Amino acid sequence: MTAAAFQAAGTMLDLLKAPVKARERRTGGACHERKALHQTLRRLLVDRFGSVPENFLQRIENITDADRLTTFVVQVWHVAAPEDLQL
């Protein structure tokens, strides 16, 4: 195999790996975003309402959609009680 063939094979392999690496970056980033949103929502609820039932906090932890979590973060200031959030 010539040097050009080795280089071409390496380039092809890099092209094949690119979508996998991009997906790993997106997934990792999304995971960190969800974790930060979970922590923020938990903190806001405790700051606003004092104690929050652990089973309610667990329901929040089970939410995987970052957009829903973001909506709840905003809604914390507009509800009278944590249970008013439509989880």
N, C-alpha and C. Protein backbone atom coordinates (compact mmCIF):
# COMPACT_ATOMS: atom_id res chain seq x y z
N MET A 1 0.85 -1.17 0.00
CA MET A 1 0.00 0.00 0.00
C MET A 1 0.90 1.24 0.00
N THR A 2 0.54 2.20 -0.80
CA THR A 2 1.35 3.41 -0.92
C THR A 2 0.99 4.40 0.19
N ALA A 3 1.85 5.40 0.34
CA ALA A 3 1.61 6.43 1.34
C ALA A 3 0.29 7.16 1.06
N ALA A 4 0.00 7.38 -0.22
CA ALA A 4 -1.25 8.06 -0.58
C ALA A 4 -2.45 7.20 -0.21
N ALA A 5 -2.33 5.89 -0.39
CA ALA A 5 -3.42 4.98 -0.04
C ALA A 5 -3.64 4.96 1.47
N PHE A 6 -2.55 4.94 2.25
CA PHE A 6 -2.67 5.00 3.71
C PHE A 6 -3.34 6.30 4.14
N GLN A 7 -2.93 7.39 3.51
CA GLN A 7 -3.51 8.69 3.86
C GLN A 7 -5.00 8.71 3.52
N ALA A 8 -5.36 8.18 2.35
CA ALA A 8 -6.76 8.14 1.94
C ALA A 8 -7.57 7.26 2.90
N ALA A 9 -7.01 6.13 3.32
CA ALA A 9 -7.71 5.26 4.25
C ALA A 9 -7.91 5.96 5.59
N GLY A 10 -6.89 6.68 6.04
CA GLY A 10 -7.00 7.42 7.29
C GLY A 10 -8.06 8.51 7.20
N THR A 11 -8.12 9.19 6.07
CA THR A 11 -9.11 10.23 5.87
C THR A 11 -10.51 9.64 5.86
N MET A 12 -10.68 8.51 5.21
CA MET A 12 -11.98 7.84 5.16
C MET A 12 -12.42 7.43 6.57
N LEU A 13 -11.49 6.89 7.34
CA LEU A 13 -11.80 6.48 8.70
C LEU A 13 -12.21 7.69 9.54
N ASP A 14 -11.50 8.81 9.38
CA ASP A 14 -11.88 10.03 10.09
C ASP A 14 -13.27 10.50 9.71
N LEU A 15 -13.60 10.40 8.42
CA LEU A 15 -14.93 10.79 7.96
C LEU A 15 -16.01 9.90 8.57
N LEU A 16 -15.71 8.62 8.69
CA LEU A 16 -16.68 7.69 9.28
C LEU A 16 -16.86 7.92 10.78
N LYS A 17 -15.80 8.32 11.45
CA LYS A 17 -15.86 8.55 12.89
C LYS A 17 -16.51 9.88 13.24
N ALA A 18 -16.50 10.84 12.33
CA ALA A 18 -16.97 12.20 12.62
C ALA A 18 -18.40 12.23 13.17
N PRO A 19 -19.37 11.54 12.54
CA PRO A 19 -20.73 11.60 13.09
C PRO A 19 -20.82 11.01 14.50
N VAL A 20 -20.05 9.98 14.77
CA VAL A 20 -20.07 9.36 16.10
C VAL A 20 -19.52 10.34 17.13
N LYS A 21 -18.41 11.00 16.80
CA LYS A 21 -17.83 11.97 17.72
C LYS A 21 -18.76 13.15 17.93
N ALA A 22 -19.41 13.60 16.87
CA ALA A 22 -20.35 14.73 16.99
C ALA A 22 -21.53 14.33 17.89
N ARG A 23 -22.03 13.12 17.71
CA ARG A 23 -23.15 12.65 18.54
C ARG A 23 -22.72 12.56 19.99
N GLU A 24 -21.51 12.08 20.24
CA GLU A 24 -21.01 11.99 21.61
C GLU A 24 -20.92 13.39 22.24
N ARG A 25 -20.47 14.37 21.45
CA ARG A 25 -20.39 15.74 21.98
C ARG A 25 -21.79 16.28 22.27
N ARG A 26 -22.72 16.04 21.34
CA ARG A 26 -24.09 16.53 21.56
C ARG A 26 -24.72 15.86 22.76
N THR A 27 -24.57 14.56 22.88
CA THR A 27 -25.18 13.81 23.97
C THR A 27 -24.56 14.23 25.30
N GLY A 28 -23.25 14.35 25.33
CA GLY A 28 -22.58 14.78 26.56
C GLY A 28 -23.01 16.17 26.96
N GLY A 29 -23.09 17.06 25.99
CA GLY A 29 -23.52 18.42 26.27
C GLY A 29 -24.95 18.46 26.76
N ALA A 30 -25.81 17.67 26.14
CA ALA A 30 -27.21 17.63 26.56
C ALA A 30 -27.33 17.07 27.97
N CYS A 31 -26.51 16.10 28.29
CA CYS A 31 -26.52 15.52 29.63
C CYS A 31 -26.13 16.56 30.67
N HIS A 32 -25.11 17.33 30.38
CA HIS A 32 -24.66 18.38 31.30
C HIS A 32 -25.71 19.48 31.42
N GLU A 33 -26.36 19.78 30.31
CA GLU A 33 -27.41 20.81 30.33
C GLU A 33 -28.57 20.35 31.22
N ARG A 34 -29.00 19.11 31.05
CA ARG A 34 -30.10 18.59 31.88
C ARG A 34 -29.71 18.58 33.35
N LYS A 35 -28.49 18.18 33.63
CA LYS A 35 -28.04 18.14 35.02
C LYS A 35 -28.08 19.54 35.63
N ALA A 36 -27.61 20.53 34.88
CA ALA A 36 -27.62 21.91 35.36
C ALA A 36 -29.04 22.41 35.56
N LEU A 37 -29.94 22.06 34.65
CA LEU A 37 -31.33 22.47 34.79
C LEU A 37 -31.99 21.80 35.99
N HIS A 38 -31.71 20.52 36.20
CA HIS A 38 -32.23 19.82 37.38
C HIS A 38 -31.77 20.52 38.66
N GLN A 39 -30.49 20.83 38.72
CA GLN A 39 -29.94 21.48 39.91
C GLN A 39 -30.55 22.86 40.11
N THR A 40 -30.68 23.61 39.03
CA THR A 40 -31.25 24.95 39.10
C THR A 40 -32.70 24.90 39.58
N LEU A 41 -33.47 24.00 39.00
CA LEU A 41 -34.88 23.89 39.37
C LEU A 41 -35.03 23.48 40.83
N ARG A 42 -34.24 22.52 41.24
CA ARG A 42 -34.27 22.08 42.64
C ARG A 42 -33.94 23.26 43.57
N ARG A 43 -32.91 23.99 43.24
CA ARG A 43 -32.47 25.12 44.08
C ARG A 43 -33.53 26.21 44.14
N LEU A 44 -34.13 26.53 42.98
CA LEU A 44 -35.17 27.55 42.95
C LEU A 44 -36.38 27.14 43.77
N LEU A 45 -36.77 25.88 43.66
CA LEU A 45 -37.92 25.39 44.42
C LEU A 45 -37.67 25.48 45.93
N VAL A 46 -36.50 25.04 46.34
CA VAL A 46 -36.17 25.09 47.77
C VAL A 46 -36.06 26.53 48.25
N ASP A 47 -35.44 27.40 47.46
CA ASP A 47 -35.32 28.81 47.84
C ASP A 47 -36.69 29.48 47.93
N ARG A 48 -37.56 29.15 47.01
CA ARG A 48 -38.86 29.81 46.95
C ARG A 48 -39.85 29.25 47.97
N PHE A 49 -39.87 27.92 48.14
CA PHE A 49 -40.91 27.29 48.96
C PHE A 49 -40.39 26.64 50.24
N GLY A 50 -39.11 26.70 50.49
CA GLY A 50 -38.56 26.03 51.67
C GLY A 50 -38.36 24.56 51.35
N SER A 51 -38.96 23.71 52.13
CA SER A 51 -38.80 22.28 51.87
C SER A 51 -39.74 21.84 50.74
N VAL A 52 -39.24 20.92 49.94
CA VAL A 52 -40.01 20.36 48.83
C VAL A 52 -39.99 18.85 49.02
N PRO A 53 -41.15 18.17 48.91
CA PRO A 53 -41.18 16.72 49.11
C PRO A 53 -40.19 16.00 48.20
N GLU A 54 -39.50 15.04 48.77
CA GLU A 54 -38.48 14.30 48.02
C GLU A 54 -39.08 13.59 46.80
N ASN A 55 -40.31 13.07 46.94
CA ASN A 55 -40.91 12.38 45.78
C ASN A 55 -41.18 13.37 44.64
N PHE A 56 -41.47 14.62 44.97
CA PHE A 56 -41.65 15.65 43.94
C PHE A 56 -40.31 15.95 43.25
N LEU A 57 -39.26 16.06 44.04
CA LEU A 57 -37.93 16.30 43.47
C LEU A 57 -37.49 15.13 42.60
N GLN A 58 -37.87 13.92 42.98
CA GLN A 58 -37.53 12.74 42.18
C GLN A 58 -38.26 12.78 40.84
N ARG A 59 -39.49 13.25 40.84
CA ARG A 59 -40.24 13.37 39.58
C ARG A 59 -39.53 14.36 38.65
N ILE A 60 -38.98 15.43 39.22
CA ILE A 60 -38.23 16.39 38.42
C ILE A 60 -36.98 15.72 37.83
N GLU A 61 -36.28 14.94 38.64
CA GLU A 61 -35.06 14.26 38.17
C GLU A 61 -35.35 13.30 37.02
N ASN A 62 -36.58 12.80 36.94
CA ASN A 62 -36.94 11.85 35.88
C ASN A 62 -37.25 12.53 34.55
N ILE A 63 -37.35 13.85 34.54
CA ILE A 63 -37.62 14.58 33.30
C ILE A 63 -36.33 14.67 32.49
N THR A 64 -36.40 14.25 31.24
CA THR A 64 -35.20 14.24 30.40
C THR A 64 -35.23 15.31 29.31
N ASP A 65 -36.33 15.99 29.14
CA ASP A 65 -36.47 17.00 28.10
C ASP A 65 -36.01 18.36 28.63
N ALA A 66 -34.92 18.87 28.10
CA ALA A 66 -34.34 20.15 28.56
C ALA A 66 -35.31 21.31 28.36
N ASP A 67 -36.10 21.28 27.31
CA ASP A 67 -37.06 22.36 27.08
C ASP A 67 -38.13 22.38 28.17
N ARG A 68 -38.60 21.22 28.57
CA ARG A 68 -39.59 21.15 29.67
C ARG A 68 -38.98 21.67 30.96
N LEU A 69 -37.75 21.26 31.24
CA LEU A 69 -37.07 21.72 32.45
C LEU A 69 -36.92 23.23 32.45
N THR A 70 -36.56 23.79 31.32
CA THR A 70 -36.40 25.23 31.19
C THR A 70 -37.74 25.93 31.46
N THR A 71 -38.80 25.39 30.93
CA THR A 71 -40.14 25.94 31.17
C THR A 71 -40.46 25.95 32.66
N PHE A 72 -40.14 24.86 33.35
CA PHE A 72 -40.41 24.78 34.79
C PHE A 72 -39.56 25.78 35.58
N VAL A 73 -38.33 25.99 35.15
CA VAL A 73 -37.46 26.96 35.83
C VAL A 73 -38.12 28.34 35.78
N VAL A 74 -38.66 28.71 34.64
CA VAL A 74 -39.33 30.00 34.48
C VAL A 74 -40.63 30.04 35.30
N GLN A 75 -41.37 28.93 35.31
CA GLN A 75 -42.67 28.89 35.98
C GLN A 75 -42.57 28.93 37.50
N VAL A 76 -41.42 28.59 38.06
CA VAL A 76 -41.27 28.56 39.52
C VAL A 76 -41.74 29.88 40.13
N TRP A 77 -41.48 30.99 39.46
CA TRP A 77 -41.82 32.30 40.01
C TRP A 77 -43.28 32.67 39.81
N HIS A 78 -44.04 31.82 39.11
CA HIS A 78 -45.43 32.13 38.79
C HIS A 78 -46.43 31.17 39.41
N VAL A 79 -45.97 30.26 40.25
CA VAL A 79 -46.87 29.30 40.87
C VAL A 79 -46.93 29.55 42.38
N ALA A 80 -48.05 29.14 42.97
CA ALA A 80 -48.23 29.34 44.41
C ALA A 80 -47.60 28.22 45.23
N ALA A 81 -47.43 27.06 44.61
CA ALA A 81 -46.87 25.90 45.31
C ALA A 81 -46.17 25.02 44.28
N PRO A 82 -45.19 24.23 44.72
CA PRO A 82 -44.48 23.36 43.77
C PRO A 82 -45.43 22.44 43.00
N GLU A 83 -46.47 21.99 43.65
CA GLU A 83 -47.41 21.07 43.02
C GLU A 83 -48.15 21.71 41.86
N ASP A 84 -48.11 23.05 41.76
CA ASP A 84 -48.77 23.75 40.65
C ASP A 84 -48.01 23.61 39.34
N LEU A 85 -46.76 23.19 39.41
CA LEU A 85 -46.01 22.89 38.19
C LEU A 85 -46.61 21.63 37.58
N GLN A 86 -46.93 21.68 36.33
CA GLN A 86 -47.56 20.53 35.66
C GLN A 86 -46.47 19.58 35.14
N LEU A 87 -45.94 18.76 36.05
CA LEU A 87 -44.85 17.84 35.68
C LEU A 87 -45.35 16.70 34.83
